[in-house]
Amino acid sequence: MRSLQDRLLDAHARDDRAALVALYAEAADGAGDLDAACFFLTHAYIFALEVGDPVSDALYQRLHAEGRV
């Protein structure tokens, strides 16, 4: 199985924003600390907004719960 980093780099290279939403959310879920998790959540949220993914609401709520928006 390819590493998350490799999958992120590949999705960026392909400009696959829908994949980036899921991959950054996955990175947030596996982050070792809150700052890192929120960094990844912010990226997932921005890409979700760009592609109109309804998961943006849940990502916003996660960031809001941590006082990041």
Protein backbone atom coordinates (compact mmCIF):
# COMPACT_ATOMS: atom_id res chain seq x y z
CA MET A 1 0.00 0.00 0.00
CA ARG A 2 1.28 3.45 -0.90
CA SER A 3 1.99 5.84 1.92
CA LEU A 4 -0.35 8.71 2.65
CA GLN A 5 2.37 11.15 1.67
CA ASP A 6 2.79 9.46 -1.72
CA ARG A 7 -0.96 9.51 -2.29
CA LEU A 8 -1.12 13.21 -1.36
CA LEU A 9 1.72 14.07 -3.70
CA ASP A 10 0.09 12.10 -6.51
CA ALA A 11 -3.28 13.79 -5.97
CA HIS A 12 -1.58 17.20 -6.03
CA ALA A 13 0.26 16.30 -9.22
CA ARG A 14 -3.04 15.31 -10.84
CA ASP A 15 -4.84 18.32 -9.31
CA ASP A 16 -7.43 15.86 -7.99
CA ARG A 17 -9.09 18.12 -5.47
CA ALA A 18 -11.81 15.64 -4.57
CA ALA A 19 -9.15 13.11 -3.59
CA LEU A 20 -7.29 15.80 -1.66
CA VAL A 21 -10.35 16.38 0.55
CA ALA A 22 -10.33 12.75 1.66
CA LEU A 23 -6.56 12.47 1.90
CA TYR A 24 -6.13 15.58 4.04
CA ALA A 25 -8.98 14.45 6.28
CA GLU A 26 -7.22 11.10 6.62
CA ALA A 27 -4.00 12.90 7.49
CA ALA A 28 -5.85 14.92 10.14
CA ASP A 29 -7.29 11.77 11.67
CA GLY A 30 -3.81 10.26 11.93
CA ALA A 31 -1.99 13.38 13.08
CA GLY A 32 0.03 13.14 16.26
CA ASP A 33 -1.06 16.47 17.73
CA LEU A 34 -3.85 19.01 17.54
CA ASP A 35 -1.91 21.63 15.57
CA ALA A 36 -0.99 19.12 12.89
CA ALA A 37 -4.55 17.80 12.77
CA CYS A 38 -5.97 21.29 12.32
CA PHE A 39 -3.38 22.08 9.65
CA PHE A 40 -4.57 19.07 7.64
CA LEU A 41 -8.24 19.79 8.39
CA THR A 42 -7.83 23.31 7.06
CA HIS A 43 -6.47 21.95 3.78
CA ALA A 44 -9.29 19.40 3.56
CA TYR A 45 -11.83 22.15 4.26
CA ILE A 46 -10.48 24.49 1.59
CA PHE A 47 -10.42 21.78 -1.05
CA ALA A 48 -13.94 20.69 -0.03
CA LEU A 49 -15.18 24.24 -0.51
CA GLU A 50 -13.48 24.45 -3.91
CA VAL A 51 -15.19 21.31 -5.22
CA GLY A 52 -18.51 21.85 -3.45
CA ASP A 53 -18.16 18.72 -1.34
CA PRO A 54 -20.86 18.64 1.37
CA VAL A 55 -18.28 17.23 3.81
CA SER A 56 -17.12 20.85 4.13
CA ASP A 57 -19.78 21.37 6.82
CA ALA A 58 -18.37 18.57 8.99
CA LEU A 59 -14.81 19.77 8.44
CA TYR A 60 -15.84 23.29 9.45
CA GLN A 61 -17.46 21.94 12.61
CA ARG A 62 -14.30 20.04 13.52
CA LEU A 63 -12.20 23.18 13.08
CA HIS A 64 -14.74 25.27 14.97
CA ALA A 65 -14.73 22.81 17.87
CA GLU A 66 -10.99 23.40 18.21
CA GLY A 67 -11.37 27.19 18.03
CA ARG A 68 -9.66 27.37 14.65
CA VAL A 69 -12.35 29.33 12.75
